[in-house]
């Protein structure tokens, strides 16, 4: 995460947009520097097809803290892509990418 933050100069981008915060699920998702950061702090619960509001498009996972190289379980496919889904209620220009987010992980998505 530190390497990614340095590479994209994350701290030089002051604007942060909260996309999702769910206390009971222990999920927080925000956008900063054009990237989507999805954190699952739940100790035991993983979520499949978790939908978040984001700009419409195709996203690539550029960081997965669950990867074996970081001591994780390797439950996600490296560099996988996520596509937004249409919904009748998102704000104009937004859609719902559906993601799998394992427990105690963060994934970072970049709009392609």
PDB file of N, CA and C in Angstrom:
ATOM      1  N   UNK A   1       0.825  -1.186   0.000  1.00  0.00           N
ATOM      2  CA  UNK A   1       0.000   0.000   0.000  1.00  0.00           C
ATOM      3  C   UNK A   1       0.873   1.254   0.000  1.00  0.00           C
ATOM      4  N   UNK A   2       1.952   1.227   0.751  1.00  0.00           N
ATOM      5  CA  UNK A   2       2.846   2.387   0.800  1.00  0.00           C
ATOM      6  C   UNK A   2       3.478   2.615  -0.567  1.00  0.00           C
ATOM      7  N   UNK A   3       3.891   1.537  -1.229  1.00  0.00           N
ATOM      8  CA  UNK A   3       4.473   1.655  -2.566  1.00  0.00           C
ATOM      9  C   UNK A   3       3.471   2.275  -3.542  1.00  0.00           C
ATOM     10  N   UNK A   4       2.227   1.842  -3.484  1.00  0.00           N
ATOM     11  CA  UNK A   4       1.182   2.392  -4.345  1.00  0.00           C
ATOM     12  C   UNK A   4       0.949   3.866  -4.024  1.00  0.00           C
ATOM     13  N   UNK A   5       0.885   4.215  -2.740  1.00  0.00           N
ATOM     14  CA  UNK A   5       0.654   5.603  -2.332  1.00  0.00           C
ATOM     15  C   UNK A   5       1.761   6.513  -2.843  1.00  0.00           C
ATOM     16  N   UNK A   6       2.999   6.048  -2.794  1.00  0.00           N
ATOM     17  CA  UNK A   6       4.124   6.844  -3.308  1.00  0.00           C
ATOM     18  C   UNK A   6       4.063   6.960  -4.824  1.00  0.00           C
ATOM     19  N   UNK A   7       3.739   5.861  -5.488  1.00  0.00           N
ATOM     20  CA  UNK A   7       3.702   5.844  -6.948  1.00  0.00           C
ATOM     21  C   UNK A   7       2.683   6.829  -7.507  1.00  0.00           C
ATOM     22  N   UNK A   8       1.491   6.865  -6.906  1.00  0.00           N
ATOM     23  CA  UNK A   8       0.437   7.748  -7.424  1.00  0.00           C
ATOM     24  C   UNK A   8       0.372   9.085  -6.695  1.00  0.00           C
ATOM     25  N   UNK A   9       1.317   9.290  -5.750  1.00  0.00           N
ATOM     26  CA  UNK A   9       1.365  10.527  -4.967  1.00  0.00           C
ATOM     27  C   UNK A   9       0.004  10.787  -4.305  1.00  0.00           C
ATOM     28  N   UNK A  10      -0.461   9.772  -3.630  1.00  0.00           N
ATOM     29  CA  UNK A  10      -1.784   9.769  -3.012  1.00  0.00           C
ATOM     30  C   UNK A  10      -2.019  10.955  -2.092  1.00  0.00           C
ATOM     31  N   UNK A  11      -1.028  11.321  -1.304  1.00  0.00           N
ATOM     32  CA  UNK A  11      -1.213  12.397  -0.330  1.00  0.00           C
ATOM     33  C   UNK A  11      -1.275  13.776  -0.975  1.00  0.00           C
ATOM     34  N   UNK A  12      -0.921  13.875  -2.241  1.00  0.00           N
ATOM     35  CA  UNK A  12      -1.037  15.147  -2.950  1.00  0.00           C
ATOM     36  C   UNK A  12      -2.437  15.375  -3.510  1.00  0.00           C
ATOM     37  N   UNK A  13      -3.308  14.405  -3.366  1.00  0.00           N
ATOM     38  CA  UNK A  13      -4.696  14.503  -3.825  1.00  0.00           C
ATOM     39  C   UNK A  13      -5.597  14.665  -2.601  1.00  0.00           C
ATOM     40  N   UNK A  14      -5.972  15.894  -2.280  1.00  0.00           N
ATOM     41  CA  UNK A  14      -6.718  16.123  -1.044  1.00  0.00           C
ATOM     42  C   UNK A  14      -8.185  15.683  -1.085  1.00  0.00           C
ATOM     43  N   UNK A  15      -8.768  15.556  -2.275  1.00  0.00           N
ATOM     44  CA  UNK A  15     -10.186  15.225  -2.369  1.00  0.00           C
ATOM     45  C   UNK A  15     -10.429  13.743  -2.161  1.00  0.00           C
ATOM     46  N   UNK A  16     -11.316  13.458  -1.225  1.00  0.00           N
ATOM     47  CA  UNK A  16     -11.715  12.081  -0.928  1.00  0.00           C
ATOM     48  C   UNK A  16     -13.236  12.020  -0.998  1.00  0.00           C
ATOM     49  N   UNK A  17     -13.756  11.051  -1.728  1.00  0.00           N
ATOM     50  CA  UNK A  17     -15.199  10.860  -1.831  1.00  0.00           C
ATOM     51  C   UNK A  17     -15.581   9.534  -1.189  1.00  0.00           C
ATOM     52  N   UNK A  18     -16.395   9.609  -0.161  1.00  0.00           N
ATOM     53  CA  UNK A  18     -16.893   8.396   0.479  1.00  0.00           C
ATOM     54  C   UNK A  18     -17.956   7.783  -0.417  1.00  0.00           C
ATOM     55  N   UNK A  19     -17.748   6.545  -0.841  1.00  0.00           N
ATOM     56  CA  UNK A  19     -18.687   5.858  -1.718  1.00  0.00           C
ATOM     57  C   UNK A  19     -19.611   4.927  -0.954  1.00  0.00           C
ATOM     58  N   UNK A  20     -19.108   4.371   0.148  1.00  0.00           N
ATOM     59  CA  UNK A  20     -19.903   3.429   0.934  1.00  0.00           C
ATOM     60  C   UNK A  20     -19.285   3.296   2.316  1.00  0.00           C
ATOM     61  N   UNK A  21     -20.126   3.311   3.326  1.00  0.00           N
ATOM     62  CA  UNK A  21     -19.679   3.049   4.702  1.00  0.00           C
ATOM     63  C   UNK A  21     -20.789   2.271   5.375  1.00  0.00           C
ATOM     64  N   UNK A  22     -20.480   1.076   5.795  1.00  0.00           N
ATOM     65  CA  UNK A  22     -21.480   0.218   6.434  1.00  0.00           C
ATOM     66  C   UNK A  22     -20.874  -0.331   7.719  1.00  0.00           C
ATOM     67  N   UNK A  23     -21.255   0.262   8.835  1.00  0.00           N
ATOM     68  CA  UNK A  23     -20.669  -0.094  10.131  1.00  0.00           C
ATOM     69  C   UNK A  23     -20.893  -1.553  10.491  1.00  0.00           C
ATOM     70  N   UNK A  24     -22.099  -2.050  10.280  1.00  0.00           N
ATOM     71  CA  UNK A  24     -22.416  -3.432  10.663  1.00  0.00           C
ATOM     72  C   UNK A  24     -21.579  -4.434   9.857  1.00  0.00           C
ATOM     73  N   UNK A  25     -21.401  -4.161   8.553  1.00  0.00           N
ATOM     74  CA  UNK A  25     -20.592  -5.043   7.706  1.00  0.00           C
ATOM     75  C   UNK A  25     -19.097  -4.770   7.832  1.00  0.00           C
ATOM     76  N   UNK A  26     -18.759  -3.654   8.488  1.00  0.00           N
ATOM     77  CA  UNK A  26     -17.362  -3.235   8.667  1.00  0.00           C
ATOM     78  C   UNK A  26     -16.675  -2.989   7.323  1.00  0.00           C
ATOM     79  N   UNK A  27     -17.424  -2.319   6.424  1.00  0.00           N
ATOM     80  CA  UNK A  27     -16.953  -2.000   5.082  1.00  0.00           C
ATOM     81  C   UNK A  27     -16.849  -0.482   4.931  1.00  0.00           C
ATOM     82  N   UNK A  28     -15.768  -0.026   4.320  1.00  0.00           N
ATOM     83  CA  UNK A  28     -15.645   1.368   3.926  1.00  0.00           C
ATOM     84  C   UNK A  28     -15.026   1.398   2.536  1.00  0.00           C
ATOM     85  N   UNK A  29     -15.634   2.202   1.664  1.00  0.00           N
ATOM     86  CA  UNK A  29     -15.155   2.338   0.289  1.00  0.00           C
ATOM     87  C   UNK A  29     -15.075   3.831  -0.012  1.00  0.00           C
ATOM     88  N   UNK A  30     -13.926   4.259  -0.532  1.00  0.00           N
ATOM     89  CA  UNK A  30     -13.790   5.662  -0.899  1.00  0.00           C
ATOM     90  C   UNK A  30     -12.985   5.786  -2.181  1.00  0.00           C
ATOM     91  N   UNK A  31     -13.098   6.966  -2.791  1.00  0.00           N
ATOM     92  CA  UNK A  31     -12.342   7.261  -4.004  1.00  0.00           C
ATOM     93  C   UNK A  31     -11.374   8.389  -3.708  1.00  0.00           C
ATOM     94  N   UNK A  32     -10.135   8.193  -4.123  1.00  0.00           N
ATOM     95  CA  UNK A  32      -9.104   9.218  -3.970  1.00  0.00           C
ATOM     96  C   UNK A  32      -8.092   9.046  -5.094  1.00  0.00           C
ATOM     97  N   UNK A  33      -7.686  10.142  -5.679  1.00  0.00           N
ATOM     98  CA  UNK A  33      -6.696  10.141  -6.762  1.00  0.00           C
ATOM     99  C   UNK A  33      -7.153   9.269  -7.932  1.00  0.00           C
ATOM    100  N   UNK A  34      -8.461   9.214  -8.158  1.00  0.00           N
ATOM    101  CA  UNK A  34      -8.994   8.431  -9.262  1.00  0.00           C
ATOM    102  C   UNK A  34      -9.046   6.933  -9.022  1.00  0.00           C
ATOM    103  N   UNK A  35      -8.723   6.491  -7.815  1.00  0.00           N
ATOM    104  CA  UNK A  35      -8.744   5.075  -7.469  1.00  0.00           C
ATOM    105  C   UNK A  35      -9.852   4.802  -6.461  1.00  0.00           C
ATOM    106  N   UNK A  36     -10.359   3.583  -6.468  1.00  0.00           N
ATOM    107  CA  UNK A  36     -11.356   3.165  -5.482  1.00  0.00           C
ATOM    108  C   UNK A  36     -10.686   2.219  -4.504  1.00  0.00           C
ATOM    109  N   UNK A  37     -10.775   2.552  -3.225  1.00  0.00           N
ATOM    110  CA  UNK A  37     -10.215   1.751  -2.141  1.00  0.00           C
ATOM    111  C   UNK A  37     -11.383   1.099  -1.402  1.00  0.00           C
ATOM    112  N   UNK A  38     -11.409  -0.225  -1.366  1.00  0.00           N
ATOM    113  CA  UNK A  38     -12.477  -0.965  -0.688  1.00  0.00           C
ATOM    114  C   UNK A  38     -11.870  -1.777   0.448  1.00  0.00           C
ATOM    115  N   UNK A  39     -12.222  -1.420   1.678  1.00  0.00           N
ATOM    116  CA  UNK A  39     -11.703  -2.084   2.875  1.00  0.00           C
ATOM    117  C   UNK A  39     -12.795  -2.929   3.509  1.00  0.00           C
ATOM    118  N   UNK A  40     -12.454  -4.149   3.865  1.00  0.00           N
ATOM    119  CA  UNK A  40     -13.336  -5.007   4.656  1.00  0.00           C
ATOM    120  C   UNK A  40     -12.593  -5.304   5.960  1.00  0.00           C
ATOM    121  N   UNK A  41     -13.046  -4.681   7.032  1.00  0.00           N
ATOM    122  CA  UNK A  41     -12.418  -4.863   8.335  1.00  0.00           C
ATOM    123  C   UNK A  41     -13.049  -5.986   9.155  1.00  0.00           C
ATOM    124  N   UNK A  42     -14.038  -6.671   8.584  1.00  0.00           N
ATOM    125  CA  UNK A  42     -14.725  -7.730   9.333  1.00  0.00           C
ATOM    126  C   UNK A  42     -13.759  -8.889   9.583  1.00  0.00           C
ATOM    127  N   UNK A  43     -13.715  -9.408  10.813  1.00  0.00           N
ATOM    128  CA  UNK A  43     -12.761 -10.481  11.125  1.00  0.00           C
ATOM    129  C   UNK A  43     -13.097 -11.827  10.487  1.00  0.00           C
ATOM    130  N   UNK A  44     -14.372 -12.068  10.154  1.00  0.00           N
ATOM    131  CA  UNK A  44     -14.733 -13.384   9.634  1.00  0.00           C
ATOM    132  C   UNK A  44     -15.590 -13.358   8.370  1.00  0.00           C
ATOM    133  N   UNK A  45     -16.261 -12.283   8.066  1.00  0.00           N
ATOM    134  CA  UNK A  45     -17.226 -12.239   6.968  1.00  0.00           C
ATOM    135  C   UNK A  45     -16.634 -11.670   5.678  1.00  0.00           C
ATOM    136  N   UNK A  46     -16.644 -12.478   4.625  1.00  0.00           N
ATOM    137  CA  UNK A  46     -16.288 -12.015   3.281  1.00  0.00           C
ATOM    138  C   UNK A  46     -17.591 -11.709   2.552  1.00  0.00           C
ATOM    139  N   UNK A  47     -17.530 -10.834   1.559  1.00  0.00           N
ATOM    140  CA  UNK A  47     -18.736 -10.437   0.827  1.00  0.00           C
ATOM    141  C   UNK A  47     -18.529 -10.647  -0.662  1.00  0.00           C
ATOM    142  N   UNK A  48     -19.456 -11.367  -1.285  1.00  0.00           N
ATOM    143  CA  UNK A  48     -19.416 -11.523  -2.736  1.00  0.00           C
ATOM    144  C   UNK A  48     -20.502 -10.633  -3.330  1.00  0.00           C
ATOM    145  N   UNK A  49     -20.269 -10.165  -4.518  1.00  0.00           N
ATOM    146  CA  UNK A  49     -21.212  -9.287  -5.220  1.00  0.00           C
ATOM    147  C   UNK A  49     -21.583  -8.050  -4.408  1.00  0.00           C
ATOM    148  N   UNK A  50     -20.600  -7.488  -3.689  1.00  0.00           N
ATOM    149  CA  UNK A  50     -20.826  -6.263  -2.920  1.00  0.00           C
ATOM    150  C   UNK A  50     -20.863  -5.095  -3.895  1.00  0.00           C
ATOM    151  N   UNK A  51     -21.960  -4.360  -3.911  1.00  0.00           N
ATOM    152  CA  UNK A  51     -22.130  -3.285  -4.881  1.00  0.00           C
ATOM    153  C   UNK A  51     -21.823  -1.933  -4.257  1.00  0.00           C
ATOM    154  N   UNK A  52     -21.089  -1.120  -5.025  1.00  0.00           N
ATOM    155  CA  UNK A  52     -20.711   0.216  -4.582  1.00  0.00           C
ATOM    156  C   UNK A  52     -21.004   1.205  -5.706  1.00  0.00           C
ATOM    157  N   UNK A  53     -21.249   2.444  -5.345  1.00  0.00           N
ATOM    158  CA  UNK A  53     -21.455   3.492  -6.341  1.00  0.00           C
ATOM    159  C   UNK A  53     -20.109   3.946  -6.861  1.00  0.00           C
ATOM    160  N   UNK A  54     -19.988   4.042  -8.168  1.00  0.00           N
ATOM    161  CA  UNK A  54     -18.749   4.508  -8.789  1.00  0.00           C
ATOM    162  C   UNK A  54     -19.067   4.983 -10.197  1.00  0.00           C
ATOM    163  N   UNK A  55     -18.117   5.666 -10.805  1.00  0.00           N
ATOM    164  CA  UNK A  55     -18.286   6.099 -12.184  1.00  0.00           C
ATOM    165  C   UNK A  55     -18.451   4.875 -13.073  1.00  0.00           C
ATOM    166  N   UNK A  56     -19.296   5.001 -14.070  1.00  0.00           N
ATOM    167  CA  UNK A  56     -19.532   3.896 -14.993  1.00  0.00           C
ATOM    168  C   UNK A  56     -18.257   3.558 -15.753  1.00  0.00           C
ATOM    169  N   UNK A  57     -18.019   2.275 -15.950  1.00  0.00           N
ATOM    170  CA  UNK A  57     -16.858   1.861 -16.713  1.00  0.00           C
ATOM    171  C   UNK A  57     -16.326   0.510 -16.316  1.00  0.00           C
ATOM    172  N   UNK A  58     -15.100   0.260 -16.730  1.00  0.00           N
ATOM    173  CA  UNK A  58     -14.403  -1.001 -16.465  1.00  0.00           C
ATOM    174  C   UNK A  58     -13.253  -0.698 -15.509  1.00  0.00           C
ATOM    175  N   UNK A  59     -13.130  -1.490 -14.467  1.00  0.00           N
ATOM    176  CA  UNK A  59     -12.117  -1.279 -13.436  1.00  0.00           C
ATOM    177  C   UNK A  59     -11.178  -2.473 -13.371  1.00  0.00           C
ATOM    178  N   UNK A  60      -9.915  -2.182 -13.107  1.00  0.00           N
ATOM    179  CA  UNK A  60      -8.940  -3.250 -12.898  1.00  0.00           C
ATOM    180  C   UNK A  60      -8.439  -3.180 -11.464  1.00  0.00           C
ATOM    181  N   UNK A  61      -8.327  -4.344 -10.839  1.00  0.00           N
ATOM    182  CA  UNK A  61      -7.794  -4.406  -9.483  1.00  0.00           C
ATOM    183  C   UNK A  61      -6.277  -4.252  -9.565  1.00  0.00           C
ATOM    184  N   UNK A  62      -5.750  -3.204  -8.923  1.00  0.00           N
ATOM    185  CA  UNK A  62      -4.304  -2.962  -8.981  1.00  0.00           C
ATOM    186  C   UNK A  62      -3.615  -3.278  -7.661  1.00  0.00           C
ATOM    187  N   UNK A  63      -4.385  -3.529  -6.614  1.00  0.00           N
ATOM    188  CA  UNK A  63      -3.809  -3.948  -5.336  1.00  0.00           C
ATOM    189  C   UNK A  63      -4.789  -4.868  -4.638  1.00  0.00           C
ATOM    190  N   UNK A  64      -4.270  -5.930  -4.086  1.00  0.00           N
ATOM    191  CA  UNK A  64      -5.063  -6.926  -3.358  1.00  0.00           C
ATOM    192  C   UNK A  64      -4.248  -7.341  -2.141  1.00  0.00           C
ATOM    193  N   UNK A  65      -4.636  -6.890  -0.968  1.00  0.00           N
ATOM    194  CA  UNK A  65      -3.860  -7.217   0.237  1.00  0.00           C
ATOM    195  C   UNK A  65      -3.979  -8.687   0.622  1.00  0.00           C
ATOM    196  N   UNK A  66      -4.905  -9.411  -0.016  1.00  0.00           N
ATOM    197  CA  UNK A  66      -5.065 -10.840   0.256  1.00  0.00           C
ATOM    198  C   UNK A  66      -4.148 -11.700  -0.620  1.00  0.00           C
ATOM    199  N   UNK A  67      -3.345 -11.072  -1.462  1.00  0.00           N
ATOM    200  CA  UNK A  67      -2.425 -11.822  -2.320  1.00  0.00           C
ATOM    201  C   UNK A  67      -1.392 -12.552  -1.468  1.00  0.00           C
ATOM    202  N   UNK A  68      -0.975 -13.686  -1.953  1.00  0.00           N
ATOM    203  CA  UNK A  68       0.016 -14.494  -1.213  1.00  0.00           C
ATOM    204  C   UNK A  68       1.316 -13.738  -0.985  1.00  0.00           C
ATOM    205  N   UNK A  69       1.690 -12.851  -1.907  1.00  0.00           N
ATOM    206  CA  UNK A  69       2.932 -12.090  -1.749  1.00  0.00           C
ATOM    207  C   UNK A  69       2.896 -11.171  -0.531  1.00  0.00           C
ATOM    208  N   UNK A  70       1.690 -10.866  -0.030  1.00  0.00           N
ATOM    209  CA  UNK A  70       1.548 -10.039   1.170  1.00  0.00           C
ATOM    210  C   UNK A  70       1.184 -10.874   2.398  1.00  0.00           C
ATOM    211  N   UNK A  71       1.261 -12.184   2.267  1.00  0.00           N
ATOM    212  CA  UNK A  71       0.926 -13.069   3.377  1.00  0.00           C
ATOM    213  C   UNK A  71      -0.545 -13.406   3.468  1.00  0.00           C
ATOM    214  N   UNK A  72      -1.298 -13.101   2.411  1.00  0.00           N
ATOM    215  CA  UNK A  72      -2.732 -13.385   2.393  1.00  0.00           C
ATOM    216  C   UNK A  72      -3.036 -14.791   1.922  1.00  0.00           C
ATOM    217  N   UNK A  73      -4.320 -15.041   1.695  1.00  0.00           N
ATOM    218  CA  UNK A  73      -4.791 -16.370   1.295  1.00  0.00           C
ATOM    219  C   UNK A  73      -4.888 -16.549  -0.219  1.00  0.00           C
ATOM    220  N   UNK A  74      -4.728 -15.478  -0.982  1.00  0.00           N
ATOM    221  CA  UNK A  74      -4.788 -15.581  -2.438  1.00  0.00           C
ATOM    222  C   UNK A  74      -6.162 -15.926  -2.966  1.00  0.00           C
ATOM    223  N   UNK A  75      -7.211 -15.356  -2.376  1.00  0.00           N
ATOM    224  CA  UNK A  75      -8.579 -15.689  -2.770  1.00  0.00           C
ATOM    225  C   UNK A  75      -9.048 -14.948  -4.019  1.00  0.00           C
ATOM    226  N   UNK A  76      -8.306 -13.938  -4.461  1.00  0.00           N
ATOM    227  CA  UNK A  76      -8.710 -13.153  -5.630  1.00  0.00           C
ATOM    228  C   UNK A  76      -7.769 -13.404  -6.795  1.00  0.00           C
ATOM    229  N   UNK A  77      -8.285 -13.261  -7.999  1.00  0.00           N
ATOM    230  CA  UNK A  77      -7.487 -13.431  -9.216  1.00  0.00           C
ATOM    231  C   UNK A  77      -6.721 -12.132  -9.454  1.00  0.00           C
ATOM    232  N   UNK A  78      -5.393 -12.193  -9.577  1.00  0.00           N
ATOM    233  CA  UNK A  78      -4.616 -10.968  -9.805  1.00  0.00           C
ATOM    234  C   UNK A  78      -5.058 -10.221 -11.065  1.00  0.00           C
ATOM    235  N   UNK A  79      -5.076  -8.906 -10.974  1.00  0.00           N
ATOM    236  CA  UNK A  79      -5.409  -8.015 -12.099  1.00  0.00           C
ATOM    237  C   UNK A  79      -6.799  -8.236 -12.678  1.00  0.00           C
ATOM    238  N   UNK A  80      -7.700  -8.810 -11.904  1.00  0.00           N
ATOM    239  CA  UNK A  80      -9.029  -9.043 -12.435  1.00  0.00           C
ATOM    240  C   UNK A  80      -9.725  -7.724 -12.740  1.00  0.00           C
ATOM    241  N   UNK A  81     -10.709  -7.793 -13.616  1.00  0.00           N
ATOM    242  CA  UNK A  81     -11.458  -6.609 -14.005  1.00  0.00           C
ATOM    243  C   UNK A  81     -12.882  -6.701 -13.487  1.00  0.00           C
ATOM    244  N   UNK A  82     -13.433  -5.532 -13.173  1.00  0.00           N
ATOM    245  CA  UNK A  82     -14.811  -5.415 -12.690  1.00  0.00           C
ATOM    246  C   UNK A  82     -15.537  -4.456 -13.622  1.00  0.00           C
ATOM    247  N   UNK A  83     -16.748  -4.794 -13.958  1.00  0.00           N
ATOM    248  CA  UNK A  83     -17.553  -3.959 -14.839  1.00  0.00           C
ATOM    249  C   UNK A  83     -18.746  -3.427 -14.061  1.00  0.00           C
ATOM    250  N   UNK A  84     -19.131  -2.208 -14.357  1.00  0.00           N
ATOM    251  CA  UNK A  84     -20.275  -1.629 -13.658  1.00  0.00           C
ATOM    252  C   UNK A  84     -21.565  -2.266 -14.152  1.00  0.00           C
ATOM    253  N   UNK A  85     -22.530  -2.310 -13.276  1.00  0.00           N
ATOM    254  CA  UNK A  85     -23.860  -2.806 -13.590  1.00  0.00           C
ATOM    255  C   UNK A  85     -24.796  -1.621 -13.655  1.00  0.00           C
ATOM    256  N   UNK A  86     -25.850  -1.730 -14.425  1.00  0.00           N
ATOM    257  CA  UNK A  86     -26.819  -0.647 -14.486  1.00  0.00           C
ATOM    258  C   UNK A  86     -27.831  -0.815 -13.376  1.00  0.00           C
ATOM    259  N   UNK A  87     -28.358   0.293 -12.919  1.00  0.00           N
ATOM    260  CA  UNK A  87     -29.368   0.298 -11.873  1.00  0.00           C
ATOM    261  C   UNK A  87     -30.326   1.429 -12.166  1.00  0.00           C
ATOM    262  N   UNK A  88     -31.537   1.316 -11.703  1.00  0.00           N
ATOM    263  CA  UNK A  88     -32.523   2.358 -11.962  1.00  0.00           C
ATOM    264  C   UNK A  88     -32.344   3.567 -11.053  1.00  0.00           C
ATOM    265  N   UNK A  89     -31.495   3.460 -10.012  1.00  0.00           N
ATOM    266  CA  UNK A  89     -31.416   4.563  -9.059  1.00  0.00           C
ATOM    267  C   UNK A  89     -30.059   5.228  -8.857  1.00  0.00           C
ATOM    268  N   UNK A  90     -28.965   4.861  -9.569  1.00  0.00           N
ATOM    269  CA  UNK A  90     -27.707   5.554  -9.276  1.00  0.00           C
ATOM    270  C   UNK A  90     -27.729   6.975  -9.809  1.00  0.00           C
ATOM    271  N   UNK A  91     -26.922   7.862  -9.218  1.00  0.00           N
ATOM    272  CA  UNK A  91     -26.824   9.216  -9.744  1.00  0.00           C
ATOM    273  C   UNK A  91     -26.325   9.188 -11.185  1.00  0.00           C
ATOM    274  N   UNK A  92     -26.619  10.245 -11.922  1.00  0.00           N
ATOM    275  CA  UNK A  92     -26.205  10.334 -13.320  1.00  0.00           C
ATOM    276  C   UNK A  92     -24.702  10.139 -13.428  1.00  0.00           C
ATOM    277  N   UNK A  93     -24.283   9.296 -14.372  1.00  0.00           N
ATOM    278  CA  UNK A  93     -22.863   9.031 -14.582  1.00  0.00           C
ATOM    279  C   UNK A  93     -22.284   7.997 -13.631  1.00  0.00           C
ATOM    280  N   UNK A  94     -23.114   7.400 -12.788  1.00  0.00           N
ATOM    281  CA  UNK A  94     -22.645   6.403 -11.833  1.00  0.00           C
ATOM    282  C   UNK A  94     -23.302   5.062 -12.098  1.00  0.00           C
ATOM    283  N   UNK A  95     -22.644   4.025 -11.649  1.00  0.00           N
ATOM    284  CA  UNK A  95     -23.163   2.668 -11.758  1.00  0.00           C
ATOM    285  C   UNK A  95     -22.701   1.880 -10.552  1.00  0.00           C
ATOM    286  N   UNK A  96     -22.971   0.605 -10.571  1.00  0.00           N
ATOM    287  CA  UNK A  96     -22.667  -0.239  -9.433  1.00  0.00           C
ATOM    288  C   UNK A  96     -21.704  -1.353  -9.821  1.00  0.00           C
ATOM    289  N   UNK A  97     -20.387  -1.175  -9.593  1.00  0.00           N
ATOM    290  CA  UNK A  97     -19.520  -2.330  -9.798  1.00  0.00           C
ATOM    291  C   UNK A  97     -19.757  -3.333  -8.676  1.00  0.00           C
ATOM    292  N   UNK A  98     -19.765  -4.583  -9.015  1.00  0.00           N
ATOM    293  CA  UNK A  98     -19.984  -5.643  -8.050  1.00  0.00           C
ATOM    294  C   UNK A  98     -18.646  -6.309  -7.768  1.00  0.00           C
ATOM    295  N   UNK A  99     -18.243  -6.336  -6.502  1.00  0.00           N
ATOM    296  CA  UNK A  99     -16.923  -6.856  -6.149  1.00  0.00           C
ATOM    297  C   UNK A  99     -17.017  -7.956  -5.099  1.00  0.00           C
ATOM    298  N   UNK A 100     -16.019  -8.803  -5.087  1.00  0.00           N
ATOM    299  CA  UNK A 100     -15.837  -9.767  -4.001  1.00  0.00           C
ATOM    300  C   UNK A 100     -14.746  -9.190  -3.118  1.00  0.00           C
ATOM    301  N   UNK A 101     -15.059  -9.035  -1.850  1.00  0.00           N
ATOM    302  CA  UNK A 101     -14.070  -8.482  -0.922  1.00  0.00           C
ATOM    303  C   UNK A 101     -13.965  -9.399   0.293  1.00  0.00           C
ATOM    304  N   UNK A 102     -12.866 -10.157   0.343  1.00  0.00           N
ATOM    305  CA  UNK A 102     -12.662 -11.085   1.463  1.00  0.00           C
ATOM    306  C   UNK A 102     -12.492 -10.341   2.790  1.00  0.00           C
ATOM    307  N   UNK A 103     -12.713 -11.068   3.873  1.00  0.00           N
ATOM    308  CA  UNK A 103     -12.545 -10.472   5.198  1.00  0.00           C
ATOM    309  C   UNK A 103     -11.099 -10.018   5.409  1.00  0.00           C
ATOM    310  N   UNK A 104     -10.969  -8.951   6.187  1.00  0.00           N
ATOM    311  CA  UNK A 104      -9.663  -8.373   6.562  1.00  0.00           C
ATOM    312  C   UNK A 104      -8.770  -8.069   5.364  1.00  0.00           C
ATOM    313  N   UNK A 105      -9.341  -7.467   4.325  1.00  0.00           N
ATOM    314  CA  UNK A 105      -8.555  -7.119   3.152  1.00  0.00           C
ATOM    315  C   UNK A 105      -8.902  -5.729   2.643  1.00  0.00           C
ATOM    316  N   UNK A 106      -8.054  -5.247   1.767  1.00  0.00           N
ATOM    317  CA  UNK A 106      -8.331  -4.051   0.982  1.00  0.00           C
ATOM    318  C   UNK A 106      -8.033  -4.385  -0.467  1.00  0.00           C
ATOM    319  N   UNK A 107      -8.889  -3.885  -1.351  1.00  0.00           N
ATOM    320  CA  UNK A 107      -8.588  -3.969  -2.777  1.00  0.00           C
ATOM    321  C   UNK A 107      -8.651  -2.553  -3.327  1.00  0.00           C
ATOM    322  N   UNK A 108      -7.825  -2.301  -4.315  1.00  0.00           N
ATOM    323  CA  UNK A 108      -7.793  -0.993  -4.961  1.00  0.00           C
ATOM    324  C   UNK A 108      -8.108  -1.198  -6.431  1.00  0.00           C
ATOM    325  N   UNK A 109      -9.083  -0.429  -6.925  1.00  0.00           N
ATOM    326  CA  UNK A 109      -9.522  -0.529  -8.302  1.00  0.00           C
ATOM    327  C   UNK A 109      -9.206   0.746  -9.059  1.00  0.00           C
ATOM    328  N   UNK A 110      -8.809   0.590 -10.318  1.00  0.00           N
ATOM    329  CA  UNK A 110      -8.489   1.732 -11.171  1.00  0.00           C
ATOM    330  C   UNK A 110      -9.391   1.682 -12.391  1.00  0.00           C
ATOM    331  N   UNK A 111     -10.006   2.815 -12.715  1.00  0.00           N
ATOM    332  CA  UNK A 111     -10.858   2.918 -13.892  1.00  0.00           C
ATOM    333  C   UNK A 111      -9.988   2.845 -15.144  1.00  0.00           C
ATOM    334  N   UNK A 112     -10.358   1.967 -16.055  1.00  0.00           N
ATOM    335  CA  UNK A 112      -9.586   1.812 -17.307  1.00  0.00           C
ATOM    336  C   UNK A 112     -10.173   2.682 -18.403  1.00  0.00           C
TER     337      UNK A 112
END
